[in-house]
């Protein structure tokens, strides 16, 4: 029984039931990349909306045209947030396609 424990420690944590043979750490790394991507997207959207609104309020105070620059900032910020989300979505689709083709190549290689 102790011999079995030693061999599992040497191999490290793996997904022993899966066909891909990926280690647990590889799955963890993929999950952390996804979490980081969503976190960055959240920050990008928040900054894209807040900064133009603050600039608009500042310009409103300087020029005396109370709501107009703030409204323009809201519109520009919303457009920038939509663009940021669209860019992130296309990157995620591209990564999914790349991951699917990599897995397909690995499966074909194992069949040979």
PDB file of N, CA and C in Angstrom:
ATOM      1  N   UNK A   1       0.821  -1.183   0.000  1.00  0.00           N
ATOM      2  CA  UNK A   1       0.000   0.000   0.000  1.00  0.00           C
ATOM      3  C   UNK A   1       0.866   1.248   0.000  1.00  0.00           C
ATOM      4  N   UNK A   2       1.954   1.266   0.756  1.00  0.00           N
ATOM      5  CA  UNK A   2       2.834   2.442   0.777  1.00  0.00           C
ATOM      6  C   UNK A   2       3.531   2.607  -0.568  1.00  0.00           C
ATOM      7  N   UNK A   3       3.786   1.516  -1.265  1.00  0.00           N
ATOM      8  CA  UNK A   3       4.403   1.598  -2.586  1.00  0.00           C
ATOM      9  C   UNK A   3       3.491   2.334  -3.563  1.00  0.00           C
ATOM     10  N   UNK A   4       2.192   2.108  -3.458  1.00  0.00           N
ATOM     11  CA  UNK A   4       1.232   2.777  -4.327  1.00  0.00           C
ATOM     12  C   UNK A   4       1.189   4.277  -4.049  1.00  0.00           C
ATOM     13  N   UNK A   5       1.274   4.653  -2.764  1.00  0.00           N
ATOM     14  CA  UNK A   5       1.274   6.080  -2.411  1.00  0.00           C
ATOM     15  C   UNK A   5       2.516   6.772  -2.939  1.00  0.00           C
ATOM     16  N   UNK A   6       3.663   6.110  -2.882  1.00  0.00           N
ATOM     17  CA  UNK A   6       4.902   6.710  -3.364  1.00  0.00           C
ATOM     18  C   UNK A   6       4.840   6.958  -4.872  1.00  0.00           C
ATOM     19  N   UNK A   7       4.295   6.004  -5.600  1.00  0.00           N
ATOM     20  CA  UNK A   7       4.235   6.180  -7.050  1.00  0.00           C
ATOM     21  C   UNK A   7       3.266   7.296  -7.428  1.00  0.00           C
ATOM     22  N   UNK A   8       2.169   7.469  -6.676  1.00  0.00           N
ATOM     23  CA  UNK A   8       1.234   8.544  -6.999  1.00  0.00           C
ATOM     24  C   UNK A   8       1.835   9.897  -6.648  1.00  0.00           C
ATOM     25  N   UNK A   9       2.675   9.966  -5.618  1.00  0.00           N
ATOM     26  CA  UNK A   9       3.339  11.223  -5.281  1.00  0.00           C
ATOM     27  C   UNK A   9       4.352  11.608  -6.347  1.00  0.00           C
ATOM     28  N   UNK A  10       5.018  10.643  -6.908  1.00  0.00           N
ATOM     29  CA  UNK A  10       6.013  10.928  -7.931  1.00  0.00           C
ATOM     30  C   UNK A  10       5.356  11.428  -9.209  1.00  0.00           C
ATOM     31  N   UNK A  11       4.221  10.870  -9.544  1.00  0.00           N
ATOM     32  CA  UNK A  11       3.533  11.273 -10.761  1.00  0.00           C
ATOM     33  C   UNK A  11       2.885  12.640 -10.621  1.00  0.00           C
ATOM     34  N   UNK A  12       2.486  13.006  -9.434  1.00  0.00           N
ATOM     35  CA  UNK A  12       1.810  14.279  -9.227  1.00  0.00           C
ATOM     36  C   UNK A  12       0.315  14.120  -9.462  1.00  0.00           C
ATOM     37  N   UNK A  13      -0.419  15.180  -9.163  1.00  0.00           N
ATOM     38  CA  UNK A  13      -1.872  15.087  -9.324  1.00  0.00           C
ATOM     39  C   UNK A  13      -2.262  15.071 -10.794  1.00  0.00           C
ATOM     40  N   UNK A  14      -2.986  14.052 -11.179  1.00  0.00           N
ATOM     41  CA  UNK A  14      -3.449  13.957 -12.561  1.00  0.00           C
ATOM     42  C   UNK A  14      -4.904  13.583 -12.572  1.00  0.00           C
ATOM     43  N   UNK A  15      -5.518  13.803 -13.672  1.00  0.00           N
ATOM     44  CA  UNK A  15      -6.887  13.366 -13.891  1.00  0.00           C
ATOM     45  C   UNK A  15      -6.803  11.936 -14.403  1.00  0.00           C
ATOM     46  N   UNK A  16      -6.796  10.988 -13.504  1.00  0.00           N
ATOM     47  CA  UNK A  16      -6.557   9.599 -13.891  1.00  0.00           C
ATOM     48  C   UNK A  16      -7.721   9.007 -14.679  1.00  0.00           C
ATOM     49  N   UNK A  17      -8.915   9.585 -14.526  1.00  0.00           N
ATOM     50  CA  UNK A  17     -10.079   9.019 -15.202  1.00  0.00           C
ATOM     51  C   UNK A  17     -10.258   9.546 -16.610  1.00  0.00           C
ATOM     52  N   UNK A  18      -9.629  10.648 -16.949  1.00  0.00           N
ATOM     53  CA  UNK A  18      -9.851  11.262 -18.249  1.00  0.00           C
ATOM     54  C   UNK A  18      -8.996  10.660 -19.336  1.00  0.00           C
ATOM     55  N   UNK A  19      -9.454  10.783 -20.557  1.00  0.00           N
ATOM     56  CA  UNK A  19      -8.726  10.243 -21.694  1.00  0.00           C
ATOM     57  C   UNK A  19      -7.622  11.191 -22.143  1.00  0.00           C
ATOM     58  N   UNK A  20      -7.738  12.453 -21.784  1.00  0.00           N
ATOM     59  CA  UNK A  20      -6.764  13.421 -22.284  1.00  0.00           C
ATOM     60  C   UNK A  20      -5.430  13.338 -21.550  1.00  0.00           C
ATOM     61  N   UNK A  21      -5.441  12.881 -20.313  1.00  0.00           N
ATOM     62  CA  UNK A  21      -4.194  12.757 -19.565  1.00  0.00           C
ATOM     63  C   UNK A  21      -3.661  14.092 -19.054  1.00  0.00           C
ATOM     64  N   UNK A  22      -4.486  15.125 -19.051  1.00  0.00           N
ATOM     65  CA  UNK A  22      -4.045  16.417 -18.550  1.00  0.00           C
ATOM     66  C   UNK A  22      -3.953  16.371 -17.039  1.00  0.00           C
ATOM     67  N   UNK A  23      -2.991  17.083 -16.518  1.00  0.00           N
ATOM     68  CA  UNK A  23      -2.869  17.120 -15.069  1.00  0.00           C
ATOM     69  C   UNK A  23      -3.882  18.094 -14.494  1.00  0.00           C
ATOM     70  N   UNK A  24      -4.098  17.968 -13.215  1.00  0.00           N
ATOM     71  CA  UNK A  24      -5.025  18.855 -12.527  1.00  0.00           C
ATOM     72  C   UNK A  24      -4.544  20.301 -12.631  1.00  0.00           C
ATOM     73  N   UNK A  25      -3.249  20.498 -12.635  1.00  0.00           N
ATOM     74  CA  UNK A  25      -2.690  21.852 -12.690  1.00  0.00           C
ATOM     75  C   UNK A  25      -2.948  22.505 -14.047  1.00  0.00           C
ATOM     76  N   UNK A  26      -3.004  21.723 -15.103  1.00  0.00           N
ATOM     77  CA  UNK A  26      -3.324  22.286 -16.416  1.00  0.00           C
ATOM     78  C   UNK A  26      -4.759  22.782 -16.463  1.00  0.00           C
ATOM     79  N   UNK A  27      -5.681  22.016 -15.866  1.00  0.00           N
ATOM     80  CA  UNK A  27      -7.069  22.458 -15.802  1.00  0.00           C
ATOM     81  C   UNK A  27      -7.190  23.711 -14.928  1.00  0.00           C
ATOM     82  N   UNK A  28      -6.440  23.718 -13.843  1.00  0.00           N
ATOM     83  CA  UNK A  28      -6.445  24.875 -12.944  1.00  0.00           C
ATOM     84  C   UNK A  28      -5.924  26.116 -13.668  1.00  0.00           C
ATOM     85  N   UNK A  29      -4.877  25.968 -14.450  1.00  0.00           N
ATOM     86  CA  UNK A  29      -4.309  27.098 -15.190  1.00  0.00           C
ATOM     87  C   UNK A  29      -5.302  27.635 -16.209  1.00  0.00           C
ATOM     88  N   UNK A  30      -6.012  26.755 -16.883  1.00  0.00           N
ATOM     89  CA  UNK A  30      -7.017  27.186 -17.856  1.00  0.00           C
ATOM     90  C   UNK A  30      -8.138  27.936 -17.147  1.00  0.00           C
ATOM     91  N   UNK A  31      -8.579  27.428 -16.015  1.00  0.00           N
ATOM     92  CA  UNK A  31      -9.652  28.086 -15.265  1.00  0.00           C
ATOM     93  C   UNK A  31      -9.209  29.460 -14.777  1.00  0.00           C
ATOM     94  N   UNK A  32      -7.976  29.567 -14.311  1.00  0.00           N
ATOM     95  CA  UNK A  32      -7.484  30.860 -13.823  1.00  0.00           C
ATOM     96  C   UNK A  32      -7.342  31.859 -14.965  1.00  0.00           C
ATOM     97  N   UNK A  33      -6.963  31.397 -16.154  1.00  0.00           N
ATOM     98  CA  UNK A  33      -6.904  32.300 -17.305  1.00  0.00           C
ATOM     99  C   UNK A  33      -8.282  32.841 -17.645  1.00  0.00           C
ATOM    100  N   UNK A  34      -9.290  31.984 -17.561  1.00  0.00           N
ATOM    101  CA  UNK A  34     -10.651  32.425 -17.844  1.00  0.00           C
ATOM    102  C   UNK A  34     -11.131  33.442 -16.805  1.00  0.00           C
ATOM    103  N   UNK A  35     -10.851  33.186 -15.537  1.00  0.00           N
ATOM    104  CA  UNK A  35     -11.238  34.118 -14.479  1.00  0.00           C
ATOM    105  C   UNK A  35     -10.535  35.454 -14.678  1.00  0.00           C
ATOM    106  N   UNK A  36      -9.263  35.421 -15.011  1.00  0.00           N
ATOM    107  CA  UNK A  36      -8.514  36.651 -15.238  1.00  0.00           C
ATOM    108  C   UNK A  36      -9.079  37.425 -16.419  1.00  0.00           C
ATOM    109  N   UNK A  37      -9.467  36.724 -17.464  1.00  0.00           N
ATOM    110  CA  UNK A  37     -10.037  37.382 -18.643  1.00  0.00           C
ATOM    111  C   UNK A  37     -11.333  38.107 -18.280  1.00  0.00           C
ATOM    112  N   UNK A  38     -12.208  37.459 -17.498  1.00  0.00           N
ATOM    113  CA  UNK A  38     -13.460  38.095 -17.102  1.00  0.00           C
ATOM    114  C   UNK A  38     -13.210  39.266 -16.158  1.00  0.00           C
ATOM    115  N   UNK A  39     -12.236  39.132 -15.289  1.00  0.00           N
ATOM    116  CA  UNK A  39     -11.901  40.220 -14.366  1.00  0.00           C
ATOM    117  C   UNK A  39     -11.417  41.442 -15.148  1.00  0.00           C
ATOM    118  N   UNK A  40     -10.537  41.229 -16.106  1.00  0.00           N
ATOM    119  CA  UNK A  40     -10.027  42.338 -16.923  1.00  0.00           C
ATOM    120  C   UNK A  40     -11.161  42.974 -17.715  1.00  0.00           C
ATOM    121  N   UNK A  41     -12.064  42.169 -18.244  1.00  0.00           N
ATOM    122  CA  UNK A  41     -13.198  42.702 -18.989  1.00  0.00           C
ATOM    123  C   UNK A  41     -14.066  43.583 -18.088  1.00  0.00           C
ATOM    124  N   UNK A  42     -14.294  43.162 -16.861  1.00  0.00           N
ATOM    125  CA  UNK A  42     -15.081  43.954 -15.918  1.00  0.00           C
ATOM    126  C   UNK A  42     -14.426  45.300 -15.652  1.00  0.00           C
ATOM    127  N   UNK A  43     -13.123  45.294 -15.434  1.00  0.00           N
ATOM    128  CA  UNK A  43     -12.398  46.540 -15.185  1.00  0.00           C
ATOM    129  C   UNK A  43     -12.439  47.437 -16.426  1.00  0.00           C
ATOM    130  N   UNK A  44     -12.244  46.866 -17.596  1.00  0.00           N
ATOM    131  CA  UNK A  44     -12.278  47.653 -18.835  1.00  0.00           C
ATOM    132  C   UNK A  44     -13.627  48.337 -19.024  1.00  0.00           C
ATOM    133  N   UNK A  45     -14.701  47.606 -18.784  1.00  0.00           N
ATOM    134  CA  UNK A  45     -16.036  48.182 -18.964  1.00  0.00           C
ATOM    135  C   UNK A  45     -16.285  49.284 -17.937  1.00  0.00           C
ATOM    136  N   UNK A  46     -15.896  49.046 -16.704  1.00  0.00           N
ATOM    137  CA  UNK A  46     -16.100  50.062 -15.671  1.00  0.00           C
ATOM    138  C   UNK A  46     -15.335  51.343 -15.995  1.00  0.00           C
ATOM    139  N   UNK A  47     -14.084  51.202 -16.407  1.00  0.00           N
ATOM    140  CA  UNK A  47     -13.274  52.376 -16.744  1.00  0.00           C
ATOM    141  C   UNK A  47     -13.832  53.063 -17.988  1.00  0.00           C
ATOM    142  N   UNK A  48     -14.261  52.283 -18.970  1.00  0.00           N
ATOM    143  CA  UNK A  48     -14.787  52.854 -20.211  1.00  0.00           C
ATOM    144  C   UNK A  48     -16.049  53.669 -19.968  1.00  0.00           C
ATOM    145  N   UNK A  49     -16.816  53.331 -18.951  1.00  0.00           N
ATOM    146  CA  UNK A  49     -18.035  54.076 -18.664  1.00  0.00           C
ATOM    147  C   UNK A  49     -17.761  55.243 -17.713  1.00  0.00           C
ATOM    148  N   UNK A  50     -16.991  55.017 -16.679  1.00  0.00           N
ATOM    149  CA  UNK A  50     -16.809  56.023 -15.629  1.00  0.00           C
ATOM    150  C   UNK A  50     -15.947  57.203 -16.086  1.00  0.00           C
ATOM    151  N   UNK A  51     -14.844  56.942 -16.752  1.00  0.00           N
ATOM    152  CA  UNK A  51     -13.917  58.023 -17.124  1.00  0.00           C
ATOM    153  C   UNK A  51     -14.571  59.065 -18.040  1.00  0.00           C
ATOM    154  N   UNK A  52     -15.255  58.677 -19.133  1.00  0.00           N
ATOM    155  CA  UNK A  52     -15.896  59.716 -19.958  1.00  0.00           C
ATOM    156  C   UNK A  52     -16.977  60.503 -19.215  1.00  0.00           C
ATOM    157  N   UNK A  53     -17.687  59.857 -18.301  1.00  0.00           N
ATOM    158  CA  UNK A  53     -18.696  60.583 -17.528  1.00  0.00           C
ATOM    159  C   UNK A  53     -18.030  61.619 -16.627  1.00  0.00           C
ATOM    160  N   UNK A  54     -16.939  61.239 -15.976  1.00  0.00           N
ATOM    161  CA  UNK A  54     -16.233  62.194 -15.113  1.00  0.00           C
ATOM    162  C   UNK A  54     -15.655  63.351 -15.918  1.00  0.00           C
ATOM    163  N   UNK A  55     -15.115  63.044 -17.080  1.00  0.00           N
ATOM    164  CA  UNK A  55     -14.598  64.115 -17.949  1.00  0.00           C
ATOM    165  C   UNK A  55     -15.747  65.023 -18.386  1.00  0.00           C
ATOM    166  N   UNK A  56     -16.902  64.447 -18.714  1.00  0.00           N
ATOM    167  CA  UNK A  56     -18.069  65.239 -19.091  1.00  0.00           C
ATOM    168  C   UNK A  56     -18.544  66.137 -17.972  1.00  0.00           C
ATOM    169  N   UNK A  57     -18.554  65.630 -16.753  1.00  0.00           N
ATOM    170  CA  UNK A  57     -18.964  66.466 -15.615  1.00  0.00           C
ATOM    171  C   UNK A  57     -17.980  67.608 -15.396  1.00  0.00           C
ATOM    172  N   UNK A  58     -16.698  67.305 -15.557  1.00  0.00           N
ATOM    173  CA  UNK A  58     -15.688  68.351 -15.394  1.00  0.00           C
ATOM    174  C   UNK A  58     -15.864  69.435 -16.463  1.00  0.00           C
ATOM    175  N   UNK A  59     -16.082  69.012 -17.716  1.00  0.00           N
ATOM    176  CA  UNK A  59     -16.311  69.976 -18.798  1.00  0.00           C
ATOM    177  C   UNK A  59     -17.599  70.770 -18.583  1.00  0.00           C
ATOM    178  N   UNK A  60     -18.633  70.114 -18.049  1.00  0.00           N
ATOM    179  CA  UNK A  60     -19.869  70.826 -17.737  1.00  0.00           C
ATOM    180  C   UNK A  60     -19.618  71.937 -16.717  1.00  0.00           C
ATOM    181  N   UNK A  61     -18.802  71.637 -15.710  1.00  0.00           N
ATOM    182  CA  UNK A  61     -18.487  72.642 -14.691  1.00  0.00           C
ATOM    183  C   UNK A  61     -17.672  73.798 -15.258  1.00  0.00           C
ATOM    184  N   UNK A  62     -16.762  73.497 -16.164  1.00  0.00           N
ATOM    185  CA  UNK A  62     -15.909  74.538 -16.756  1.00  0.00           C
ATOM    186  C   UNK A  62     -16.681  75.428 -17.736  1.00  0.00           C
ATOM    187  N   UNK A  63     -17.584  74.833 -18.508  1.00  0.00           N
ATOM    188  CA  UNK A  63     -18.264  75.589 -19.564  1.00  0.00           C
ATOM    189  C   UNK A  63     -19.626  76.123 -19.148  1.00  0.00           C
ATOM    190  N   UNK A  64     -20.228  75.569 -18.115  1.00  0.00           N
ATOM    191  CA  UNK A  64     -21.545  76.006 -17.676  1.00  0.00           C
ATOM    192  C   UNK A  64     -22.681  75.376 -18.458  1.00  0.00           C
ATOM    193  N   UNK A  65     -22.427  74.422 -19.269  1.00  0.00           N
ATOM    194  CA  UNK A  65     -23.483  73.715 -20.032  1.00  0.00           C
ATOM    195  C   UNK A  65     -23.764  72.395 -19.308  1.00  0.00           C
ATOM    196  N   UNK A  66     -24.575  72.485 -18.318  1.00  0.00           N
ATOM    197  CA  UNK A  66     -24.701  71.436 -17.308  1.00  0.00           C
ATOM    198  C   UNK A  66     -24.872  70.005 -17.804  1.00  0.00           C
ATOM    199  N   UNK A  67     -25.887  69.571 -18.510  1.00  0.00           N
ATOM    200  CA  UNK A  67     -25.962  68.124 -18.726  1.00  0.00           C
ATOM    201  C   UNK A  67     -25.305  67.630 -20.008  1.00  0.00           C
ATOM    202  N   UNK A  68     -24.906  68.504 -20.911  1.00  0.00           N
ATOM    203  CA  UNK A  68     -24.582  68.058 -22.262  1.00  0.00           C
ATOM    204  C   UNK A  68     -23.286  67.267 -22.371  1.00  0.00           C
ATOM    205  N   UNK A  69     -22.242  67.703 -21.742  1.00  0.00           N
ATOM    206  CA  UNK A  69     -20.988  66.949 -21.812  1.00  0.00           C
ATOM    207  C   UNK A  69     -21.083  65.637 -21.030  1.00  0.00           C
ATOM    208  N   UNK A  70     -21.860  65.647 -19.953  1.00  0.00           N
ATOM    209  CA  UNK A  70     -22.061  64.406 -19.204  1.00  0.00           C
ATOM    210  C   UNK A  70     -22.830  63.391 -20.054  1.00  0.00           C
ATOM    211  N   UNK A  71     -23.839  63.855 -20.763  1.00  0.00           N
ATOM    212  CA  UNK A  71     -24.595  62.956 -21.645  1.00  0.00           C
ATOM    213  C   UNK A  71     -23.702  62.427 -22.760  1.00  0.00           C
ATOM    214  N   UNK A  72     -22.895  63.320 -23.331  1.00  0.00           N
ATOM    215  CA  UNK A  72     -21.962  62.877 -24.373  1.00  0.00           C
ATOM    216  C   UNK A  72     -20.981  61.857 -23.808  1.00  0.00           C
ATOM    217  N   UNK A  73     -20.515  62.064 -22.583  1.00  0.00           N
ATOM    218  CA  UNK A  73     -19.618  61.105 -21.930  1.00  0.00           C
ATOM    219  C   UNK A  73     -20.289  59.762 -21.707  1.00  0.00           C
ATOM    220  N   UNK A  74     -21.570  59.797 -21.341  1.00  0.00           N
ATOM    221  CA  UNK A  74     -22.308  58.536 -21.155  1.00  0.00           C
ATOM    222  C   UNK A  74     -22.428  57.779 -22.468  1.00  0.00           C
ATOM    223  N   UNK A  75     -22.707  58.492 -23.548  1.00  0.00           N
ATOM    224  CA  UNK A  75     -22.846  57.835 -24.855  1.00  0.00           C
ATOM    225  C   UNK A  75     -21.506  57.261 -25.311  1.00  0.00           C
ATOM    226  N   UNK A  76     -20.440  58.059 -25.189  1.00  0.00           N
ATOM    227  CA  UNK A  76     -19.113  57.564 -25.583  1.00  0.00           C
ATOM    228  C   UNK A  76     -18.661  56.405 -24.698  1.00  0.00           C
ATOM    229  N   UNK A  77     -18.929  56.511 -23.410  1.00  0.00           N
ATOM    230  CA  UNK A  77     -18.564  55.431 -22.491  1.00  0.00           C
ATOM    231  C   UNK A  77     -19.311  54.153 -22.781  1.00  0.00           C
ATOM    232  N   UNK A  78     -20.606  54.285 -23.082  1.00  0.00           N
ATOM    233  CA  UNK A  78     -21.395  53.095 -23.432  1.00  0.00           C
ATOM    234  C   UNK A  78     -20.889  52.436 -24.702  1.00  0.00           C
ATOM    235  N   UNK A  79     -20.551  53.273 -25.697  1.00  0.00           N
ATOM    236  CA  UNK A  79     -20.021  52.721 -26.954  1.00  0.00           C
ATOM    237  C   UNK A  79     -18.679  52.032 -26.719  1.00  0.00           C
ATOM    238  N   UNK A  80     -17.838  52.629 -25.894  1.00  0.00           N
ATOM    239  CA  UNK A  80     -16.536  52.012 -25.596  1.00  0.00           C
ATOM    240  C   UNK A  80     -16.716  50.699 -24.834  1.00  0.00           C
ATOM    241  N   UNK A  81     -17.690  50.635 -23.929  1.00  0.00           N
ATOM    242  CA  UNK A  81     -17.943  49.404 -23.178  1.00  0.00           C
ATOM    243  C   UNK A  81     -18.447  48.294 -24.095  1.00  0.00           C
ATOM    244  N   UNK A  82     -19.338  48.653 -25.021  1.00  0.00           N
ATOM    245  CA  UNK A  82     -19.851  47.655 -25.974  1.00  0.00           C
ATOM    246  C   UNK A  82     -18.708  47.143 -26.847  1.00  0.00           C
ATOM    247  N   UNK A  83     -17.854  48.046 -27.298  1.00  0.00           N
ATOM    248  CA  UNK A  83     -16.714  47.650 -28.139  1.00  0.00           C
ATOM    249  C   UNK A  83     -15.761  46.735 -27.371  1.00  0.00           C
ATOM    250  N   UNK A  84     -15.527  47.042 -26.114  1.00  0.00           N
ATOM    251  CA  UNK A  84     -14.650  46.214 -25.291  1.00  0.00           C
ATOM    252  C   UNK A  84     -15.242  44.820 -25.095  1.00  0.00           C
ATOM    253  N   UNK A  85     -16.532  44.748 -24.849  1.00  0.00           N
ATOM    254  CA  UNK A  85     -17.186  43.451 -24.680  1.00  0.00           C
ATOM    255  C   UNK A  85     -17.162  42.655 -25.984  1.00  0.00           C
ATOM    256  N   UNK A  86     -17.358  43.347 -27.105  1.00  0.00           N
ATOM    257  CA  UNK A  86     -17.324  42.673 -28.409  1.00  0.00           C
ATOM    258  C   UNK A  86     -15.936  42.109 -28.692  1.00  0.00           C
ATOM    259  N   UNK A  87     -14.901  42.872 -28.388  1.00  0.00           N
ATOM    260  CA  UNK A  87     -13.538  42.416 -28.601  1.00  0.00           C
ATOM    261  C   UNK A  87     -13.234  41.193 -27.731  1.00  0.00           C
ATOM    262  N   UNK A  88     -13.657  41.250 -26.475  1.00  0.00           N
ATOM    263  CA  UNK A  88     -13.416  40.124 -25.576  1.00  0.00           C
ATOM    264  C   UNK A  88     -14.160  38.875 -26.047  1.00  0.00           C
ATOM    265  N   UNK A  89     -15.371  39.060 -26.552  1.00  0.00           N
ATOM    266  CA  UNK A  89     -16.157  37.927 -27.044  1.00  0.00           C
ATOM    267  C   UNK A  89     -15.481  37.264 -28.242  1.00  0.00           C
ATOM    268  N   UNK A  90     -14.987  38.072 -29.174  1.00  0.00           N
ATOM    269  CA  UNK A  90     -14.314  37.487 -30.342  1.00  0.00           C
ATOM    270  C   UNK A  90     -13.022  36.789 -29.934  1.00  0.00           C
ATOM    271  N   UNK A  91     -12.308  37.328 -28.947  1.00  0.00           N
ATOM    272  CA  UNK A  91     -11.102  36.652 -28.456  1.00  0.00           C
ATOM    273  C   UNK A  91     -11.451  35.303 -27.829  1.00  0.00           C
ATOM    274  N   UNK A  92     -12.539  35.261 -27.060  1.00  0.00           N
ATOM    275  CA  UNK A  92     -12.946  34.001 -26.433  1.00  0.00           C
ATOM    276  C   UNK A  92     -13.334  32.966 -27.480  1.00  0.00           C
ATOM    277  N   UNK A  93     -14.045  33.398 -28.517  1.00  0.00           N
ATOM    278  CA  UNK A  93     -14.405  32.462 -29.592  1.00  0.00           C
ATOM    279  C   UNK A  93     -13.165  31.942 -30.306  1.00  0.00           C
ATOM    280  N   UNK A  94     -12.206  32.822 -30.551  1.00  0.00           N
ATOM    281  CA  UNK A  94     -10.974  32.410 -31.219  1.00  0.00           C
ATOM    282  C   UNK A  94     -10.201  31.421 -30.358  1.00  0.00           C
ATOM    283  N   UNK A  95     -10.145  31.672 -29.042  1.00  0.00           N
ATOM    284  CA  UNK A  95      -9.447  30.748 -28.148  1.00  0.00           C
ATOM    285  C   UNK A  95     -10.154  29.403 -28.085  1.00  0.00           C
ATOM    286  N   UNK A  96     -11.491  29.420 -28.112  1.00  0.00           N
ATOM    287  CA  UNK A  96     -12.241  28.168 -28.108  1.00  0.00           C
ATOM    288  C   UNK A  96     -11.940  27.359 -29.356  1.00  0.00           C
ATOM    289  N   UNK A  97     -11.939  28.020 -30.508  1.00  0.00           N
ATOM    290  CA  UNK A  97     -11.648  27.327 -31.757  1.00  0.00           C
ATOM    291  C   UNK A  97     -10.234  26.783 -31.749  1.00  0.00           C
ATOM    292  N   UNK A  98      -9.284  27.560 -31.238  1.00  0.00           N
ATOM    293  CA  UNK A  98      -7.899  27.112 -31.180  1.00  0.00           C
ATOM    294  C   UNK A  98      -7.765  25.917 -30.241  1.00  0.00           C
ATOM    295  N   UNK A  99      -8.464  25.967 -29.102  1.00  0.00           N
ATOM    296  CA  UNK A  99      -8.416  24.857 -28.151  1.00  0.00           C
ATOM    297  C   UNK A  99      -9.034  23.605 -28.718  1.00  0.00           C
ATOM    298  N   UNK A 100     -10.127  23.749 -29.454  1.00  0.00           N
ATOM    299  CA  UNK A 100     -10.793  22.583 -30.052  1.00  0.00           C
ATOM    300  C   UNK A 100      -9.902  21.948 -31.110  1.00  0.00           C
ATOM    301  N   UNK A 101      -9.222  22.779 -31.912  1.00  0.00           N
ATOM    302  CA  UNK A 101      -8.362  22.207 -32.945  1.00  0.00           C
ATOM    303  C   UNK A 101      -7.128  21.553 -32.322  1.00  0.00           C
ATOM    304  N   UNK A 102      -6.629  22.099 -31.225  1.00  0.00           N
ATOM    305  CA  UNK A 102      -5.480  21.500 -30.539  1.00  0.00           C
ATOM    306  C   UNK A 102      -5.858  20.143 -29.954  1.00  0.00           C
ATOM    307  N   UNK A 103      -7.054  20.062 -29.331  1.00  0.00           N
ATOM    308  CA  UNK A 103      -7.507  18.786 -28.772  1.00  0.00           C
ATOM    309  C   UNK A 103      -7.731  17.755 -29.873  1.00  0.00           C
ATOM    310  N   UNK A 104      -8.254  18.193 -30.997  1.00  0.00           N
ATOM    311  CA  UNK A 104      -8.493  17.281 -32.123  1.00  0.00           C
ATOM    312  C   UNK A 104      -7.171  16.724 -32.636  1.00  0.00           C
ATOM    313  N   UNK A 105      -6.152  17.580 -32.754  1.00  0.00           N
ATOM    314  CA  UNK A 105      -4.836  17.128 -33.200  1.00  0.00           C
ATOM    315  C   UNK A 105      -4.236  16.139 -32.215  1.00  0.00           C
ATOM    316  N   UNK A 106      -4.420  16.392 -30.923  1.00  0.00           N
ATOM    317  CA  UNK A 106      -3.885  15.491 -29.902  1.00  0.00           C
ATOM    318  C   UNK A 106      -4.562  14.129 -29.972  1.00  0.00           C
ATOM    319  N   UNK A 107      -5.885  14.130 -30.213  1.00  0.00           N
ATOM    320  CA  UNK A 107      -6.605  12.858 -30.331  1.00  0.00           C
ATOM    321  C   UNK A 107      -6.136  12.075 -31.557  1.00  0.00           C
ATOM    322  N   UNK A 108      -5.913  12.771 -32.675  1.00  0.00           N
ATOM    323  CA  UNK A 108      -5.445  12.108 -33.884  1.00  0.00           C
ATOM    324  C   UNK A 108      -4.043  11.539 -33.687  1.00  0.00           C
ATOM    325  N   UNK A 109      -3.232  12.262 -32.941  1.00  0.00           N
ATOM    326  CA  UNK A 109      -1.871  11.796 -32.675  1.00  0.00           C
ATOM    327  C   UNK A 109      -1.882  10.546 -31.808  1.00  0.00           C
ATOM    328  N   UNK A 110      -2.819  10.490 -30.828  1.00  0.00           N
ATOM    329  CA  UNK A 110      -2.909   9.326 -29.961  1.00  0.00           C
ATOM    330  C   UNK A 110      -3.411   8.096 -30.718  1.00  0.00           C
ATOM    331  N   UNK A 111      -4.239   8.302 -31.737  1.00  0.00           N
ATOM    332  CA  UNK A 111      -4.768   7.180 -32.508  1.00  0.00           C
ATOM    333  C   UNK A 111      -3.690   6.491 -33.329  1.00  0.00           C
ATOM    334  N   UNK A 112      -2.669   7.235 -33.716  1.00  0.00           N
ATOM    335  CA  UNK A 112      -1.598   6.677 -34.564  1.00  0.00           C
ATOM    336  C   UNK A 112      -0.705   5.749 -33.832  1.00  0.00           C
TER     337      UNK A 112
END
